[in-house]
Amino acid sequence: MKDTPLSNCERDFLLKAIEEKKRLDGRQTYDYRNIKITFGTDYGCCFVNLGKTRIMAQVSCELVAPKENRPNEGIMSFNIELSPMASPAFELGRQSELLVKLNRQLERCLRNSRCIDTESLCVVSGEKVWQIRVDVHTLNHDGNLMDAASIAAIAALCHFRRPDVGIQGDEVTVYSPEERDPIPLSIYHMPVCVSFSFFQQGTYLLVDPCEREECVMDGLLMIAMNKHREICSIQSSGGIMLLKEQVLRCSKIASVKVSEITELIAKALENDKKARKEGGRCGFAESLPRERITALKMEETPVEMTDVTERANDIVQRAEAPPHTVPSPVLPAPGMGQVGEGLQNTWGLEEEEDNDDEEEEEAVTIMEEEKKSEKVNVLTAPPNLRSPGPVSQSPSHEPAARTTSSHPLTPLQSMMTFLGYQPACPDPADSLSACPDSPFPVPEPLSACPDVQLSPWEGIRLADFLGTAEPLRGGEIPVAPDVPPLRCPARQSSRFQTPSLSRPS
């Protein structure tokens, strides 16, 4: 997987900050990130934290045959592993250009500088020697892997103890730590790498670059040096041309940084030796109660807790009175939200409530009138009042006398009584069933009414009013040629012109 490149905005921001001598983590130009060195339970296991970059180094040994050209010297080997756990850009089992460069630089820093006495690793000349293997694992990558790897490797070598051996003739006996105390390695000096990154073709210089700064740098200079100011190796990458004064300036800065790091390693070794001698917790066991197993840890910020109660009381007294509490938000209706701080928003619900109240009052009034109309008897008209001819209203027509009927009122009769109409009762010959030429069909319930007989025109309008016939839209209800259209006085606002029923004069 390829590393994710920086965007142009990020690149410009980083370069602009470097020009102003500012860094993302607030460091100065020549400052290192926080370095922390811890050791594992076994000898030769070391963890190094350089900011968020975390490296683990493990040293192991075994008896092997020596090289033919160096029969009296032991063998030193180094291996760096870039785990995908450290960064998505690293692939397991595949050697990248960065991995090869780190391996070569670590070998030049530790093996070629002869910081370890390899002749002390010889057991039997030409037959048995100790092979020291240093495995470096990257747990998290946040830039400057070389410096963290060199610190972890040299600290692990200083912490390592090899088993003691005994020789009796041709027989070589390796004693366990319980039988004999392990023997430390003979180390002459501790070389440490210091990395310098250059920007704008060598114009700007930074020490200990982080991952983002490495993405925008033009060149890198790595100097391996010990505390005696002896340069062990120098490697430059990036293809930039450096002046002699720049290299000398970097070497002076490296000598100061190496002295500080060497003292830190010596102090960590002394603390671990003291803890093991006293029999206290050390290494992995020490990390358990402190919850320091994972690679990324949260740093604790010290907070001053003295006079907290007094300060809190002063703040409470000086503070202003709390604002008036607002009621909890109430949803007025499903799907409705609240807008504002504690103010109820109806969003037109008041108008809807008024309309609902009016509708309820009208419904109650109608129900009361219907109850009253049920007690009213059916009104009858004089015979032979209706004919197939046009509907006529005589001003001298007198309302028919109210007679008591044994039949109960039908819904149609109740509606007619409520509207103030006088239903006509013509002869049976003039009923709806005796009008075969009527262009409008009349519903069966109306024609079957025992007390009410209607003309074809009155029947179709009442049927339309009661919803039993489909109304006509956009015009008048067609009537016979000799029947003039009349408007119903009870429905003055209607757009339809309908033949009226006979009303009392």
Protein backbone atom coordinates (compact mmCIF):
# COMPACT_ATOMS: atom_id res chain seq x y z
CA MET A 1 0.00 0.00 0.00
CA LYS A 2 1.41 3.36 -0.97
CA ASP A 3 1.74 6.16 1.50
CA THR A 4 -0.96 8.81 1.33
CA PRO A 5 0.57 12.00 -0.07
CA LEU A 6 -0.05 15.39 1.47
CA SER A 7 -2.36 17.84 -0.21
CA ASN A 8 -1.06 21.10 -1.64
CA CYS A 9 -2.68 23.07 1.19
CA GLU A 10 -0.96 20.96 3.85
CA ARG A 11 2.36 21.17 2.05
CA ASP A 12 2.18 24.95 1.72
CA PHE A 13 1.13 25.30 5.36
CA LEU A 14 4.07 23.22 6.60
CA LEU A 15 6.62 25.05 4.48
CA LYS A 16 5.23 28.43 5.52
CA ALA A 17 5.42 27.42 9.20
CA ILE A 18 9.02 26.23 8.78
CA GLU A 19 9.96 29.55 7.19
CA GLU A 20 8.57 31.28 10.27
CA LYS A 21 10.55 28.86 12.52
CA LYS A 22 7.42 27.18 13.81
CA ARG A 23 6.56 23.48 14.04
CA LEU A 24 3.27 21.64 14.32
CA ASP A 25 3.96 20.24 17.80
CA GLY A 26 5.29 23.53 19.17
CA ARG A 27 8.97 22.55 19.23
CA GLN A 28 11.86 24.77 18.34
CA THR A 29 14.19 24.11 15.42
CA TYR A 30 16.75 21.99 17.32
CA ASP A 31 14.43 20.32 19.84
CA TYR A 32 13.91 16.58 20.17
CA ARG A 33 10.60 15.04 21.05
CA ASN A 34 10.19 13.40 24.44
CA ILE A 35 12.32 10.24 24.67
CA LYS A 36 11.29 7.44 26.99
CA ILE A 37 13.27 4.21 27.45
CA THR A 38 11.78 1.16 29.18
CA PHE A 39 12.96 -2.45 29.43
CA GLY A 40 11.11 -5.74 29.32
CA THR A 41 11.08 -8.56 31.84
CA ASP A 42 13.81 -10.49 29.99
CA TYR A 43 17.28 -9.16 29.41
CA GLY A 44 17.80 -7.54 26.04
CA CYS A 45 14.21 -6.28 25.51
CA CYS A 46 13.91 -2.50 25.16
CA PHE A 47 11.08 -0.14 24.23
CA VAL A 48 11.78 3.39 23.03
CA ASN A 49 9.18 6.12 22.60
CA LEU A 50 10.27 9.08 20.49
CA GLY A 51 7.15 11.20 20.59
CA LYS A 52 4.53 8.94 19.01
CA THR A 53 7.15 6.82 17.25
CA ARG A 54 7.50 3.54 19.15
CA ILE A 55 10.26 0.97 18.58
CA MET A 56 10.96 -2.38 20.25
CA ALA A 57 14.39 -4.06 20.13
CA GLN A 58 15.10 -7.64 21.21
CA VAL A 59 18.58 -9.17 21.46
CA SER A 60 19.18 -12.92 21.27
CA CYS A 61 22.27 -15.13 21.02
CA GLU A 62 23.26 -18.64 19.98
CA LEU A 63 26.44 -20.67 19.49
CA VAL A 64 27.49 -20.99 15.82
CA ALA A 65 30.60 -21.68 13.81
CA PRO A 66 32.74 -18.57 13.13
CA LYS A 67 33.61 -17.13 9.76
CA GLU A 68 36.69 -18.55 8.07
CA ASN A 69 38.47 -15.20 7.73
CA ARG A 70 37.66 -14.25 11.36
CA PRO A 71 37.85 -17.45 13.45
CA ASN A 72 38.32 -15.59 16.76
CA GLU A 73 35.47 -13.10 16.47
CA GLY A 74 31.79 -13.37 17.14
CA ILE A 75 29.06 -12.48 14.68
CA MET A 76 26.78 -9.45 14.86
CA SER A 77 23.57 -9.28 12.80
CA PHE A 78 20.81 -6.69 12.66
CA ASN A 79 17.30 -6.97 11.31
CA ILE A 80 14.65 -4.26 11.10
CA GLU A 81 11.00 -5.13 10.52
CA LEU A 82 8.51 -2.56 9.31
CA SER A 83 5.18 -3.90 10.49
CA PRO A 84 1.85 -2.86 8.91
CA MET A 85 0.72 -2.22 12.47
CA ALA A 86 3.07 0.77 12.55
CA SER A 87 1.82 2.35 9.33
CA PRO A 88 -0.51 1.35 6.46
CA ALA A 89 2.31 2.18 4.03
CA PHE A 90 4.39 -0.78 5.29
CA GLU A 91 3.90 -4.23 3.77
CA LEU A 92 4.87 -7.40 5.59
CA GLY A 93 7.44 -9.65 3.91
CA ARG A 94 8.45 -7.10 1.29
CA GLN A 95 11.68 -5.13 1.41
CA SER A 96 11.12 -1.51 0.61
CA GLU A 97 13.68 1.18 -0.08
CA LEU A 98 13.22 2.60 3.41
CA LEU A 99 13.81 -0.81 5.01
CA VAL A 100 17.07 -1.36 3.11
CA LYS A 101 18.32 2.11 4.00
CA LEU A 102 17.54 1.64 7.70
CA ASN A 103 19.28 -1.77 7.81
CA ARG A 104 22.44 -0.46 6.19
CA GLN A 105 22.60 2.62 8.39
CA LEU A 106 22.10 0.56 11.56
CA GLU A 107 24.86 -1.86 10.57
CA ARG A 108 27.27 0.99 9.88
CA CYS A 109 26.33 2.67 13.14
CA LEU A 110 26.77 -0.34 15.44
CA ARG A 111 28.79 -3.05 13.72
CA ASN A 112 31.23 -1.07 11.59
CA SER A 113 31.95 1.34 14.45
CA ARG A 114 33.10 -1.66 16.53
CA CYS A 115 31.22 -0.52 19.57
CA ILE A 116 31.10 -4.15 20.81
CA ASP A 117 34.11 -6.33 21.49
CA THR A 118 33.47 -9.22 19.12
CA GLU A 119 36.57 -11.14 20.28
CA SER A 120 34.98 -11.57 23.71
CA LEU A 121 32.22 -13.56 21.99
CA CYS A 122 34.62 -16.35 20.99
CA VAL A 123 34.14 -19.62 22.94
CA VAL A 124 36.43 -22.04 21.03
CA SER A 125 38.66 -20.54 18.36
CA GLY A 126 37.57 -21.66 14.94
CA GLU A 127 34.75 -23.83 16.31
CA LYS A 128 32.28 -22.03 18.56
CA VAL A 129 31.44 -18.35 18.81
CA TRP A 130 28.42 -16.37 19.97
CA GLN A 131 26.18 -14.89 17.31
CA ILE A 132 24.39 -11.79 18.60
CA ARG A 133 21.19 -10.97 16.74
CA VAL A 134 19.32 -7.67 17.17
CA ASP A 135 15.71 -7.59 15.96
CA VAL A 136 14.13 -4.15 15.73
CA HIS A 137 10.34 -3.94 15.35
CA THR A 138 8.42 -0.77 14.55
CA LEU A 139 5.25 -0.55 16.63
CA ASN A 140 4.17 2.92 15.51
CA HIS A 141 5.57 5.24 12.86
CA ASP A 142 5.47 8.99 13.35
CA GLY A 143 8.75 9.97 11.72
CA ASN A 144 12.51 9.61 12.44
CA LEU A 145 12.62 5.84 12.66
CA MET A 146 16.42 5.76 12.39
CA ASP A 147 17.08 7.69 15.59
CA ALA A 148 14.56 5.64 17.58
CA ALA A 149 15.94 2.35 16.16
CA SER A 150 19.57 3.23 17.02
CA ILE A 151 18.62 4.21 20.58
CA ALA A 152 16.58 1.02 21.06
CA ALA A 153 19.30 -1.22 19.60
CA ILE A 154 22.21 0.17 21.65
CA ALA A 155 20.09 0.24 24.83
CA ALA A 156 19.03 -3.40 24.27
CA LEU A 157 22.68 -4.44 23.71
CA CYS A 158 23.70 -2.73 26.93
CA HIS A 159 20.85 -4.42 28.79
CA PHE A 160 21.47 -7.89 27.32
CA ARG A 161 23.11 -10.75 29.28
CA ARG A 162 24.48 -13.83 27.56
CA PRO A 163 24.65 -17.20 29.32
CA ASP A 164 27.91 -18.31 30.90
CA VAL A 165 29.74 -21.28 29.33
CA GLY A 166 32.22 -23.84 30.63
CA ILE A 167 34.76 -25.76 28.57
CA GLN A 168 36.04 -29.20 29.56
CA GLY A 169 38.20 -30.58 26.79
CA ASP A 170 36.14 -30.61 23.64
CA GLU A 171 32.91 -30.35 25.58
CA VAL A 172 31.15 -26.95 25.88
CA THR A 173 28.55 -26.52 28.62
CA VAL A 174 26.03 -23.65 28.60
CA TYR A 175 24.76 -22.80 32.08
CA SER A 176 21.27 -21.52 32.76
CA PRO A 177 20.63 -18.23 34.61
CA GLU A 178 19.73 -20.25 37.73
CA GLU A 179 23.10 -22.04 37.73
CA ARG A 180 25.32 -19.07 36.91
CA ASP A 181 24.69 -15.38 36.50
CA PRO A 182 24.51 -14.22 32.88
CA ILE A 183 27.40 -12.15 31.53
CA PRO A 184 26.89 -8.70 29.96
CA LEU A 185 28.40 -7.77 26.61
CA SER A 186 31.64 -5.81 26.40
CA ILE A 187 30.66 -2.42 24.94
CA TYR A 188 33.24 0.25 24.24
CA HIS A 189 30.96 3.17 23.40
CA MET A 190 27.36 3.89 22.50
CA PRO A 191 26.87 5.42 19.03
CA VAL A 192 23.54 7.21 18.48
CA CYS A 193 22.07 8.53 15.23
CA VAL A 194 20.85 12.11 14.92
CA SER A 195 18.77 13.07 11.86
CA PHE A 196 18.63 16.51 10.23
CA SER A 197 16.04 17.43 7.59
CA PHE A 198 16.59 20.23 5.05
CA PHE A 199 13.94 22.34 3.33
CA GLN A 200 14.00 24.80 0.42
CA GLN A 201 17.23 23.32 -0.97
CA GLY A 202 19.11 23.48 2.33
CA THR A 203 17.89 26.93 3.39
CA TYR A 204 16.06 25.68 6.51
CA LEU A 205 17.13 22.96 8.94
CA LEU A 206 15.16 20.89 11.48
CA VAL A 207 16.20 18.25 14.02
CA ASP A 208 14.11 15.10 14.61
CA PRO A 209 11.53 15.55 11.81
CA CYS A 210 8.08 14.08 12.29
CA GLU A 211 6.19 12.12 9.63
CA ARG A 212 4.54 15.15 8.00
CA GLU A 213 7.81 17.06 7.93
CA GLU A 214 9.50 14.09 6.26
CA CYS A 215 6.91 14.24 3.48
CA VAL A 216 7.85 17.82 2.51
CA MET A 217 11.62 17.77 3.17
CA ASP A 218 14.13 18.01 0.32
CA GLY A 219 17.00 16.09 1.94
CA LEU A 220 18.04 14.14 5.05
CA LEU A 221 21.40 13.95 6.82
CA MET A 222 22.01 11.22 9.45
CA ILE A 223 25.09 11.46 11.68
CA ALA A 224 26.04 8.60 14.05
CA MET A 225 28.22 9.85 16.89
CA ASN A 226 29.16 8.84 20.44
CA LYS A 227 29.52 10.99 23.52
CA HIS A 228 33.27 11.36 22.87
CA ARG A 229 32.39 13.37 19.72
CA GLU A 230 33.63 10.61 17.46
CA ILE A 231 31.68 10.39 14.20
CA CYS A 232 30.83 6.75 13.47
CA SER A 233 28.97 7.23 10.17
CA ILE A 234 27.37 9.90 8.00
CA GLN A 235 24.70 9.33 5.39
CA SER A 236 23.01 11.93 3.18
CA SER A 237 19.91 11.25 1.10
CA GLY A 238 17.64 13.36 -1.04
CA GLY A 239 20.13 14.56 -3.67
CA ILE A 240 20.74 18.05 -2.24
CA MET A 241 24.11 19.76 -2.16
CA LEU A 242 25.30 20.67 1.33
CA LEU A 243 28.09 23.09 2.16
CA LYS A 244 30.97 22.24 4.48
CA GLU A 245 29.75 24.79 6.99
CA GLN A 246 26.31 23.13 7.11
CA VAL A 247 27.83 19.70 7.83
CA LEU A 248 30.06 21.12 10.59
CA ARG A 249 27.09 22.92 12.09
CA CYS A 250 25.06 19.70 12.12
CA SER A 251 27.94 17.77 13.73
CA LYS A 252 28.14 20.28 16.58
CA ILE A 253 24.40 20.01 17.16
CA ALA A 254 24.64 16.20 17.03
CA SER A 255 27.38 16.11 19.69
CA VAL A 256 25.14 17.91 22.14
CA LYS A 257 22.12 15.69 21.40
CA VAL A 258 24.15 12.47 21.62
CA SER A 259 25.51 13.42 25.05
CA GLU A 260 21.98 14.00 26.35
CA ILE A 261 20.66 10.75 24.89
CA THR A 262 23.61 8.73 26.24
CA GLU A 263 22.99 10.04 29.75
CA LEU A 264 19.32 9.13 29.40
CA ILE A 265 20.22 5.55 28.38
CA ALA A 266 22.67 5.18 31.28
CA LYS A 267 20.09 6.46 33.74
CA ALA A 268 17.42 4.03 32.43
CA LEU A 269 19.87 1.11 32.75
CA GLU A 270 20.74 2.10 36.30
CA ASN A 271 17.10 2.34 37.34
CA ASP A 272 16.32 -1.08 35.87
CA LYS A 273 19.33 -2.66 37.57
CA LYS A 274 18.31 -1.17 40.90
CA ALA A 275 14.71 -2.41 40.52
CA ARG A 276 15.85 -5.95 39.68
CA LYS A 277 18.27 -6.02 42.59
CA GLU A 278 15.61 -4.94 45.08
CA GLY A 279 13.21 -7.55 43.71
CA GLY A 280 10.55 -5.04 42.76
CA ARG A 281 8.41 -4.93 39.65
CA CYS A 282 10.31 -4.34 36.45
CA GLY A 283 9.82 -4.61 32.75
CA PHE A 284 6.47 -5.99 31.57
CA ALA A 285 5.24 -6.66 35.10
CA GLU A 286 5.80 -3.00 35.97
CA SER A 287 3.69 -1.86 33.03
CA LEU A 288 0.60 -3.85 34.03
CA PRO A 289 -0.75 -1.73 36.91
CA ARG A 290 0.03 1.47 35.04
CA GLU A 291 -1.81 0.34 31.90
CA ARG A 292 1.13 0.99 29.63
CA ILE A 293 0.88 -2.01 27.36
CA THR A 294 -0.46 -0.38 24.21
CA ALA A 295 1.67 1.59 21.78
CA LEU A 296 -0.27 4.84 22.08
CA LYS A 297 -0.71 6.16 25.61
CA MET A 298 -2.48 9.18 26.98
CA GLU A 299 -0.16 11.56 28.79
CA GLU A 300 -1.42 12.85 32.12
CA THR A 301 -1.43 16.59 32.67
CA PRO A 302 -0.58 17.63 36.24
CA VAL A 303 -3.27 19.79 37.82
CA GLU A 304 -2.74 21.81 40.99
CA MET A 305 -5.36 20.78 43.53
CA THR A 306 -4.44 23.06 46.46
CA ASP A 307 -7.09 25.47 47.76
CA VAL A 308 -9.65 24.12 45.34
CA THR A 309 -12.57 24.52 47.76
CA GLU A 310 -11.79 28.14 48.54
CA ARG A 311 -11.41 29.03 44.88
CA ALA A 312 -14.67 27.30 44.05
CA ASN A 313 -16.52 29.24 46.78
CA ASP A 314 -15.08 32.53 45.53
CA ILE A 315 -16.16 31.76 41.98
CA VAL A 316 -19.67 30.87 43.11
CA GLN A 317 -20.02 34.07 45.14
CA ARG A 318 -18.74 36.30 42.36
CA ALA A 319 -20.85 34.62 39.72
CA GLU A 320 -24.05 36.24 38.54
CA ALA A 321 -27.46 34.87 39.35
CA PRO A 322 -28.47 32.01 37.10
CA PRO A 323 -30.91 32.89 34.33
CA HIS A 324 -34.59 32.07 34.55
CA THR A 325 -35.11 28.42 33.88
CA VAL A 326 -37.14 27.65 30.85
CA PRO A 327 -39.62 24.78 30.70
CA SER A 328 -38.61 21.61 29.00
CA PRO A 329 -39.46 21.51 25.29
CA VAL A 330 -42.87 20.05 24.49
CA LEU A 331 -43.77 18.66 21.09
CA PRO A 332 -47.16 20.20 20.27
CA ALA A 333 -47.97 17.56 17.67
CA PRO A 334 -46.27 14.57 16.03
CA GLY A 335 -43.70 15.76 13.54
CA MET A 336 -43.59 19.27 14.98
CA GLY A 337 -40.38 20.68 16.47
CA GLN A 338 -39.65 23.50 18.86
CA VAL A 339 -37.87 26.65 17.73
CA GLY A 340 -36.24 29.08 20.14
CA GLU A 341 -35.16 28.80 23.75
CA GLY A 342 -38.05 27.59 25.85
CA LEU A 343 -40.73 29.29 23.68
CA GLN A 344 -43.55 27.14 22.50
CA ASN A 345 -44.21 27.45 18.79
CA THR A 346 -47.68 26.48 17.60
CA TRP A 347 -47.04 26.96 13.87
CA GLY A 348 -50.73 27.79 13.15
CA LEU A 349 -52.18 25.29 15.59
CA GLU A 350 -54.32 28.01 17.26
CA GLU A 351 -56.23 28.65 14.03
CA GLU A 352 -56.78 24.92 13.58
CA GLU A 353 -58.06 24.63 17.15
CA ASP A 354 -60.53 27.53 16.55
CA ASN A 355 -61.79 25.88 13.38
CA ASP A 356 -62.20 22.56 15.20
CA ASP A 357 -64.21 24.27 17.97
CA GLU A 358 -66.50 25.93 15.44
CA GLU A 359 -67.05 22.64 13.63
CA GLU A 360 -67.89 20.90 16.89
CA GLU A 361 -70.41 23.63 17.80
CA GLU A 362 -72.08 23.37 14.39
CA ALA A 363 -72.26 19.58 14.69
CA VAL A 364 -73.88 19.86 18.13
CA THR A 365 -76.42 22.40 16.80
CA ILE A 366 -77.31 20.16 13.85
CA MET A 367 -77.75 17.16 16.13
CA GLU A 368 -80.08 19.14 18.41
CA GLU A 369 -82.15 20.33 15.44
CA GLU A 370 -82.34 16.78 14.10
CA LYS A 371 -83.63 15.56 17.42
CA LYS A 372 -86.31 18.26 17.35
CA SER A 373 -87.26 17.45 13.75
CA GLU A 374 -87.81 13.79 14.61
CA LYS A 375 -90.77 14.88 16.73
CA VAL A 376 -92.36 16.78 13.84
CA ASN A 377 -94.97 14.94 11.77
CA VAL A 378 -94.80 14.61 8.05
CA LEU A 379 -96.27 17.53 6.13
CA THR A 380 -98.58 16.70 3.29
CA ALA A 381 -99.75 18.80 0.37
CA PRO A 382 -103.16 18.92 -1.45
CA PRO A 383 -103.66 16.28 -4.09
CA ASN A 384 -103.03 16.89 -7.78
CA LEU A 385 -100.41 19.55 -6.93
CA ARG A 386 -97.63 18.02 -8.95
CA SER A 387 -97.69 17.33 -12.66
CA PRO A 388 -95.10 16.52 -15.28
CA GLY A 389 -95.28 20.12 -16.40
CA PRO A 390 -93.26 23.03 -15.11
CA VAL A 391 -92.97 23.65 -11.40
CA SER A 392 -95.13 26.57 -10.34
CA GLN A 393 -95.31 28.46 -7.12
CA SER A 394 -98.69 29.97 -6.35
CA PRO A 395 -98.64 32.86 -3.91
CA SER A 396 -102.09 31.87 -2.72
CA HIS A 397 -100.97 28.33 -1.99
CA GLU A 398 -101.60 27.47 1.58
CA PRO A 399 -99.50 25.00 3.46
CA ALA A 400 -101.06 21.67 4.01
CA ALA A 401 -102.35 20.75 7.36
CA ARG A 402 -100.05 18.70 9.52
CA THR A 403 -101.35 15.24 9.99
CA THR A 404 -100.07 12.52 12.14
CA SER A 405 -98.58 9.58 10.30
CA SER A 406 -98.02 6.18 11.67
CA HIS A 407 -94.83 5.75 9.62
CA PRO A 408 -91.51 6.91 11.17
CA LEU A 409 -89.57 9.72 9.49
CA THR A 410 -86.95 8.69 6.99
CA PRO A 411 -83.60 10.51 6.64
CA LEU A 412 -84.91 12.18 3.48
CA GLN A 413 -88.02 13.43 5.27
CA SER A 414 -85.91 14.78 8.15
CA MET A 415 -83.63 16.64 5.74
CA MET A 416 -86.59 18.16 3.85
CA THR A 417 -88.21 19.26 7.09
CA PHE A 418 -84.93 20.83 8.25
CA LEU A 419 -84.59 22.79 4.98
CA GLY A 420 -88.17 24.06 5.20
CA TYR A 421 -89.57 22.24 2.14
CA GLN A 422 -93.10 20.87 1.87
CA PRO A 423 -92.98 17.49 0.23
CA ALA A 424 -95.78 16.96 -2.24
CA CYS A 425 -97.94 13.89 -2.29
CA PRO A 426 -99.41 13.67 -5.85
CA ASP A 427 -101.58 10.97 -7.19
CA PRO A 428 -100.12 7.57 -7.58
CA ALA A 429 -100.33 8.02 -11.31
CA ASP A 430 -97.95 11.01 -11.12
CA SER A 431 -95.33 9.28 -9.00
CA LEU A 432 -91.74 8.80 -10.09
CA SER A 433 -92.43 5.30 -11.21
CA ALA A 434 -95.02 6.66 -13.69
CA CYS A 435 -92.45 8.81 -15.55
CA PRO A 436 -90.82 6.53 -18.08
CA ASP A 437 -89.60 9.47 -20.22
CA SER A 438 -87.55 11.09 -17.43
CA PRO A 439 -83.92 11.59 -18.50
CA PHE A 440 -82.67 11.34 -14.88
CA PRO A 441 -82.71 8.08 -12.98
CA VAL A 442 -84.03 8.32 -9.46
CA PRO A 443 -82.55 6.17 -6.64
CA GLU A 444 -84.69 3.34 -5.46
CA PRO A 445 -84.89 4.46 -1.80
CA LEU A 446 -86.54 7.76 -2.81
CA SER A 447 -89.12 6.20 -5.14
CA ALA A 448 -89.97 3.61 -2.54
CA CYS A 449 -90.80 6.19 0.15
CA PRO A 450 -94.36 5.51 1.38
CA ASP A 451 -95.14 9.04 2.49
CA VAL A 452 -93.28 11.25 0.03
CA GLN A 453 -93.87 11.41 -3.71
CA LEU A 454 -91.49 13.68 -5.72
CA SER A 455 -91.36 14.83 -9.28
CA PRO A 456 -88.39 13.75 -11.41
CA TRP A 457 -86.69 17.13 -11.02
CA GLU A 458 -87.07 17.36 -7.27
CA GLY A 459 -85.99 13.78 -6.87
CA ILE A 460 -82.73 14.15 -8.79
CA ARG A 461 -81.74 17.32 -6.91
CA LEU A 462 -82.36 15.75 -3.53
CA ALA A 463 -80.50 12.68 -4.66
CA ASP A 464 -77.62 14.91 -5.73
CA PHE A 465 -77.78 16.75 -2.42
CA LEU A 466 -77.71 13.50 -0.42
CA GLY A 467 -74.82 12.14 -2.46
CA THR A 468 -76.76 9.30 -4.10
CA ALA A 469 -76.31 10.73 -7.61
CA GLU A 470 -73.18 12.00 -9.29
CA PRO A 471 -73.27 15.86 -9.55
CA LEU A 472 -72.66 17.71 -12.76
CA ARG A 473 -69.70 20.13 -12.79
CA GLY A 474 -69.25 23.48 -14.50
CA GLY A 475 -72.86 24.12 -15.50
CA GLU A 476 -76.52 23.84 -14.67
CA ILE A 477 -78.43 20.66 -14.14
CA PRO A 478 -80.28 20.00 -17.41
CA VAL A 479 -84.02 20.37 -17.09
CA ALA A 480 -86.92 19.85 -19.40
CA PRO A 481 -87.62 22.61 -21.99
CA ASP A 482 -90.80 23.66 -20.28
CA VAL A 483 -89.29 23.74 -16.79
CA PRO A 484 -87.45 26.99 -16.07
CA PRO A 485 -84.41 26.57 -13.79
CA LEU A 486 -84.96 27.94 -10.32
CA ARG A 487 -82.31 28.51 -7.59
CA CYS A 488 -82.81 26.85 -4.26
CA PRO A 489 -83.29 29.56 -1.61
CA ALA A 490 -81.55 27.41 1.00
CA ARG A 491 -78.34 27.26 -1.12
CA GLN A 492 -77.94 30.80 -2.47
CA SER A 493 -74.13 30.42 -2.72
CA SER A 494 -74.23 27.33 -4.89
CA ARG A 495 -72.98 27.57 -8.45
CA PHE A 496 -75.60 25.11 -9.64
CA GLN A 497 -79.09 26.22 -10.72
CA THR A 498 -81.60 23.70 -9.55
CA PRO A 499 -85.38 23.41 -9.70
CA SER A 500 -86.85 24.44 -6.36
CA LEU A 501 -89.20 22.50 -4.25
CA SER A 502 -92.49 24.01 -3.15
CA ARG A 503 -92.06 26.10 -0.02
CA PRO A 504 -94.77 27.55 2.19
CA SER A 505 -95.99 30.93 1.06
